[in-house]
C-alpha atoms as a PDB file:
ATOM      1  CA  MET A   1       9.221  15.143   6.750  1.00  0.00           C
ATOM      2  CA  LEU A   2      12.709  15.769   5.364  1.00  0.00           C
ATOM      3  CA  PRO A   3      11.471  17.302   2.046  1.00  0.00           C
ATOM      4  CA  VAL A   4       9.343  19.789   3.996  1.00  0.00           C
ATOM      5  CA  LEU A   5      12.347  20.773   6.121  1.00  0.00           C
ATOM      6  CA  ASN A   6      14.458  21.223   2.990  1.00  0.00           C
ATOM      7  CA  THR A   7      11.753  23.417   1.463  1.00  0.00           C
ATOM      8  CA  TRP A   8      11.643  25.567   4.610  1.00  0.00           C
ATOM      9  CA  ILE A   9      15.408  26.001   4.565  1.00  0.00           C
ATOM     10  CA  ALA A  10      15.369  26.855   0.852  1.00  0.00           C
ATOM     11  CA  PHE A  11      12.708  29.523   1.352  1.00  0.00           C
ATOM     12  CA  VAL A  12      14.427  31.089   4.338  1.00  0.00           C
ATOM     13  CA  ALA A  13      17.748  31.182   2.454  1.00  0.00           C
ATOM     14  CA  MET A  14      16.290  33.067  -0.533  1.00  0.00           C
ATOM     15  CA  PRO A  15      17.902  36.457  -1.272  1.00  0.00           C
ATOM     16  CA  TRP A  16      16.134  39.684  -0.299  1.00  0.00           C
ATOM     17  CA  THR A  17      15.151  40.396  -3.913  1.00  0.00           C
ATOM     18  CA  PHE A  18      13.015  37.255  -3.892  1.00  0.00           C
ATOM     19  CA  TRP A  19      11.192  38.369  -0.736  1.00  0.00           C
ATOM     20  CA  THR A  20      10.414  41.795  -2.275  1.00  0.00           C
ATOM     21  CA  TRP A  21       8.865  40.037  -5.258  1.00  0.00           C
ATOM     22  CA  ILE A  22       6.685  37.650  -3.163  1.00  0.00           C
ATOM     23  CA  ASP A  23       4.661  38.524  -0.087  1.00  0.00           C
ATOM     24  CA  PRO A  24       6.580  36.834   2.753  1.00  0.00           C
ATOM     25  CA  ALA A  25       3.593  36.517   5.091  1.00  0.00           C
ATOM     26  CA  LEU A  26       1.457  34.758   2.498  1.00  0.00           C
ATOM     27  CA  THR A  27       4.347  32.489   1.518  1.00  0.00           C
ATOM     28  CA  LEU A  28       4.965  31.453   5.115  1.00  0.00           C
ATOM     29  CA  VAL A  29       1.248  30.753   5.685  1.00  0.00           C
ATOM     30  CA  VAL A  30       1.073  28.562   2.567  1.00  0.00           C
ATOM     31  CA  LEU A  31       4.283  26.775   3.559  1.00  0.00           C
ATOM     32  CA  PHE A  32       2.946  26.179   7.080  1.00  0.00           C
ATOM     33  CA  MET A  33      -0.311  24.734   5.702  1.00  0.00           C
ATOM     34  CA  LEU A  34       1.669  22.490   3.344  1.00  0.00           C
ATOM     35  CA  THR A  35       3.758  21.282   6.278  1.00  0.00           C
ATOM     36  CA  LEU A  36       0.614  20.424   8.257  1.00  0.00           C
ATOM     37  CA  ALA A  37      -0.885  18.570   5.294  1.00  0.00           C
ATOM     38  CA  VAL A  38       2.254  16.472   4.718  1.00  0.00           C
ATOM     39  CA  TYR A  39       2.618  15.764   8.432  1.00  0.00           C
ATOM     40  CA  SER A  40      -1.004  14.681   8.849  1.00  0.00           C
ATOM     41  CA  HIS A  41      -0.837  12.471   5.757  1.00  0.00           C
ATOM     42  CA  CYS A  42       2.478  10.768   6.497  1.00  0.00           C
ATOM     43  CA  CYS A  43       2.947  10.766  10.240  1.00  0.00           C
ATOM     44  CA  LEU A  44      -0.556  10.450  11.680  1.00  0.00           C
ATOM     45  CA  GLN A  45      -1.643   7.494   9.526  1.00  0.00           C
ATOM     46  CA  PRO A  46      -1.271   4.121  11.254  1.00  0.00           C
ATOM     47  CA  MET A  47       1.158   1.886   9.406  1.00  0.00           C
ATOM     48  CA  ILE A  48       0.294  -1.754   8.936  1.00  0.00           C
ATOM     49  CA  GLN A  49       3.138  -3.756  10.388  1.00  0.00           C
ATOM     50  CA  ASN A  50       2.013  -7.327   9.869  1.00  0.00           C
ATOM     51  CA  THR A  51       0.033  -8.976   7.073  1.00  0.00           C
ATOM     52  CA  VAL A  52      -0.829 -12.653   7.056  1.00  0.00           C
ATOM     53  CA  ILE A  53      -2.022 -14.082   3.728  1.00  0.00           C
ATOM     54  CA  LEU A  54      -3.722 -17.470   3.679  1.00  0.00           C
ATOM     55  CA  LEU A  55      -4.244 -18.566   0.080  1.00  0.00           C
ATOM     56  CA  GLN A  56      -5.905 -21.832  -0.866  1.00  0.00           C
ATOM     57  CA  ASP A  57      -5.347 -23.771  -4.096  1.00  0.00           C
ATOM     58  CA  ASN A  58      -8.833 -22.871  -5.363  1.00  0.00           C
ATOM     59  CA  GLY A  59      -8.078 -19.134  -5.196  1.00  0.00           C
ATOM     60  CA  ARG A  60      -9.856 -18.356  -1.905  1.00  0.00           C
ATOM     61  CA  ILE A  61      -7.842 -15.876   0.104  1.00  0.00           C
ATOM     62  CA  SER A  62      -7.956 -14.678   3.686  1.00  0.00           C
ATOM     63  CA  LEU A  63      -6.031 -11.569   4.751  1.00  0.00           C
ATOM     64  CA  SER A  64      -5.339 -10.527   8.290  1.00  0.00           C
ATOM     65  CA  GLN A  65      -3.680  -7.151   8.739  1.00  0.00           C
ATOM     66  CA  SER A  66      -2.651  -5.725  12.114  1.00  0.00           C
ATOM     67  CA  GLU A  67      -0.925  -2.539  13.155  1.00  0.00           C
ATOM     68  CA  ASN A  68       1.182  -4.229  15.810  1.00  0.00           C
ATOM     69  CA  HIS A  69       2.830  -7.657  15.817  1.00  0.00           C
ATOM     70  CA  ASN A  70       1.602  -8.481  19.334  1.00  0.00           C
ATOM     71  CA  ASP A  71      -1.872  -6.900  19.201  1.00  0.00           C
ATOM     72  CA  GLN A  72      -4.427  -9.442  17.973  1.00  0.00           C
ATOM     73  CA  ARG A  73      -7.374  -7.128  18.726  1.00  0.00           C
ATOM     74  CA  SER A  74      -6.500  -4.749  15.880  1.00  0.00           C
ATOM     75  CA  CYS A  75      -6.614  -7.503  13.219  1.00  0.00           C
ATOM     76  CA  THR A  76      -8.889  -6.846  10.287  1.00  0.00           C
ATOM     77  CA  PRO A  77      -9.829 -10.187   8.662  1.00  0.00           C
ATOM     78  CA  ILE A  78     -10.764 -10.008   4.981  1.00  0.00           C
ATOM     79  CA  GLU A  79     -12.195 -12.943   3.038  1.00  0.00           C
ATOM     80  CA  GLY A  80     -12.187 -12.988  -0.743  1.00  0.00           C
ATOM     81  CA  GLU A  81     -11.096 -14.593  -3.984  1.00  0.00           C
ATOM     82  CA  LEU A  82      -7.964 -14.091  -5.997  1.00  0.00           C
ATOM     83  CA  SER A  83      -8.781 -12.246  -9.213  1.00  0.00           C
ATOM     84  CA  PRO A  84      -7.491 -13.562 -12.561  1.00  0.00           C
ATOM     85  CA  SER A  85      -6.022 -10.087 -13.144  1.00  0.00           C
ATOM     86  CA  SER A  86      -3.367 -10.825 -10.496  1.00  0.00           C
ATOM     87  CA  LYS A  87       0.113 -10.714 -12.016  1.00  0.00           C
ATOM     88  CA  LEU A  88       3.472 -12.376 -11.616  1.00  0.00           C
ATOM     89  CA  THR A  89       6.197  -9.794 -12.236  1.00  0.00           C
ATOM     90  CA  TYR A  90       9.969  -9.746 -12.021  1.00  0.00           C
ATOM     91  CA  TRP A  91       9.969  -8.004  -8.617  1.00  0.00           C
ATOM     92  CA  GLY A  92       7.077  -9.809  -6.994  1.00  0.00           C
ATOM     93  CA  LEU A  93       3.438 -10.795  -7.094  1.00  0.00           C
ATOM     94  CA  TYR A  94       0.590  -8.361  -7.611  1.00  0.00           C
ATOM     95  CA  LEU A  95      -2.458  -9.866  -5.903  1.00  0.00           C
ATOM     96  CA  LYS A  96      -5.844  -8.412  -6.762  1.00  0.00           C
ATOM     97  CA  VAL A  97      -8.347  -9.642  -4.176  1.00  0.00           C
ATOM     98  CA  LYS A  98     -12.065  -9.599  -4.927  1.00  0.00           C
ATOM     99  CA  VAL A  99     -13.575  -9.206  -1.463  1.00  0.00           C
ATOM    100  CA  LEU A 100     -16.743 -11.215  -0.853  1.00  0.00           C
ATOM    101  CA  PRO A 101     -19.905  -9.058  -0.795  1.00  0.00           C
ATOM    102  CA  GLU A 102     -20.919 -10.124   2.714  1.00  0.00           C
ATOM    103  CA  ASN A 103     -17.755  -8.523   4.131  1.00  0.00           C
ATOM    104  CA  GLY A 104     -18.917  -5.073   3.077  1.00  0.00           C
ATOM    105  CA  GLN A 105     -15.383  -3.970   2.189  1.00  0.00           C
ATOM    106  CA  SER A 106     -13.822  -2.852  -1.074  1.00  0.00           C
ATOM    107  CA  ASN A 107     -11.462  -4.902  -3.228  1.00  0.00           C
ATOM    108  CA  ARG A 108      -7.802  -4.926  -2.227  1.00  0.00           C
ATOM    109  CA  ASP A 109      -4.571  -4.712  -4.182  1.00  0.00           C
ATOM    110  CA  LEU A 110      -1.457  -6.196  -2.584  1.00  0.00           C
ATOM    111  CA  TRP A 111       2.170  -6.537  -3.551  1.00  0.00           C
ATOM    112  CA  VAL A 112       4.188  -9.480  -2.258  1.00  0.00           C
ATOM    113  CA  LEU A 113       7.843  -8.893  -3.034  1.00  0.00           C
ATOM    114  CA  LYS A 114      10.295 -11.782  -3.419  1.00  0.00           C
ATOM    115  CA  SER A 115      12.171 -10.798  -0.284  1.00  0.00           C
ATOM    116  CA  GLU A 116       9.064 -10.649   1.923  1.00  0.00           C
ATOM    117  CA  CYS A 117       8.593 -14.393   2.303  1.00  0.00           C
ATOM    118  CA  SER A 118      10.538 -17.608   1.929  1.00  0.00           C
ATOM    119  CA  GLU A 119      11.332 -18.909  -1.545  1.00  0.00           C
ATOM    120  CA  ALA A 120       9.053 -21.931  -1.090  1.00  0.00           C
ATOM    121  CA  ASN A 121       6.086 -19.757  -0.054  1.00  0.00           C
ATOM    122  CA  TYR A 122       6.759 -17.318  -2.899  1.00  0.00           C
ATOM    123  CA  ARG A 123       6.793 -20.167  -5.448  1.00  0.00           C
ATOM    124  CA  ARG A 124       3.573 -21.564  -3.973  1.00  0.00           C
ATOM    125  CA  LEU A 125       1.900 -18.173  -4.307  1.00  0.00           C
ATOM    126  CA  ALA A 126       3.177 -17.817  -7.870  1.00  0.00           C
ATOM    127  CA  ARG A 127       1.799 -21.246  -8.830  1.00  0.00           C
ATOM    128  CA  ILE A 128      -1.625 -20.356  -7.426  1.00  0.00           C
ATOM    129  CA  VAL A 129      -1.655 -17.035  -9.310  1.00  0.00           C
ATOM    130  CA  LEU A 130      -0.732 -18.795 -12.575  1.00  0.00           C
ATOM    131  CA  ALA A 131      -3.335 -21.528 -11.949  1.00  0.00           C
ATOM    132  CA  THR A 132      -6.012 -18.870 -11.378  1.00  0.00           C
ATOM    133  CA  GLN A 133      -5.056 -17.187 -14.663  1.00  0.00           C
ATOM    134  CA  ARG A 134      -5.080 -20.532 -16.536  1.00  0.00           C
ATOM    135  CA  LYS A 135      -8.454 -21.508 -15.078  1.00  0.00           C
ATOM    136  CA  THR A 136      -9.974 -18.287 -16.402  1.00  0.00           C
ATOM    137  CA  ASN A 137      -8.319 -18.674 -19.832  1.00  0.00           C
ATOM    138  CA  ASN A 138      -9.519 -22.281 -20.148  1.00  0.00           C
ATOM    139  CA  GLY A 139     -13.053 -21.282 -19.150  1.00  0.00           C
ATOM    140  CA  ALA A 140     -13.098 -18.500 -21.781  1.00  0.00           C
ATOM    141  CA  THR A 141     -12.083 -20.751 -24.679  1.00  0.00           C
END
């Protein structure tokens, strides 16, 4: 919301010669519509507060995402498999989840940063991602 406020202030502070060059009414209408679009996109979207990832050694994954830490009714369970295209990067793990067809949901992409879980859990996740990649490479050769 701060960039929109800065844009409003910048437009209002423009010199009079700028306002004679551009129609002020049209500019204010466009700026108001832009403000509404940014507000509806950023502020009205529910933010996911809590994500629980259960990952098995064979690559099966279960995700449970909720909007509130205490509200179990808003959980959205997702069952799937870890894709071999998941990556281990310097900053964290990129998990590409192939959702099972019976769930009727699309595939998911997740980032798990190093600071988001304990070191032991992060290493466990990294080993499973590498094992999934190796299993696919060994099956291809």
